[in-house]
Amino acid sequence: MPQSNINSIVSARIENDLLHVVMADGRELSVPLEWFPRLRDATPEQRSHWRFIGRGKGIHWPDVDEDISVTSLLRLS
């Protein structure tokens, strides 16, 4: 796998009070929504409306104007 794809997100979901992401290399990260107040305070519908940005280098939630990058997840976890 090319180095540029290793730190890409391939799936994401929010369950309970955690954001779960799966990386292209198989790593799974779970971080508390408390770290991201816009997501924490969003409705379930707003949380479910997201898309990848930067070819999987991040996630964007347009309804709450939140962007979370792989770099920030790795640094925070």
Foldseek 3Di string as FASTA:
>chain_A
DDPVQQLFWDDWDDDDQWIWTAGPVGDIAIDGCVVPVLLNPDDPVQRVQKDAPPRRQWIARVVSGDIDGSVNRVVVD
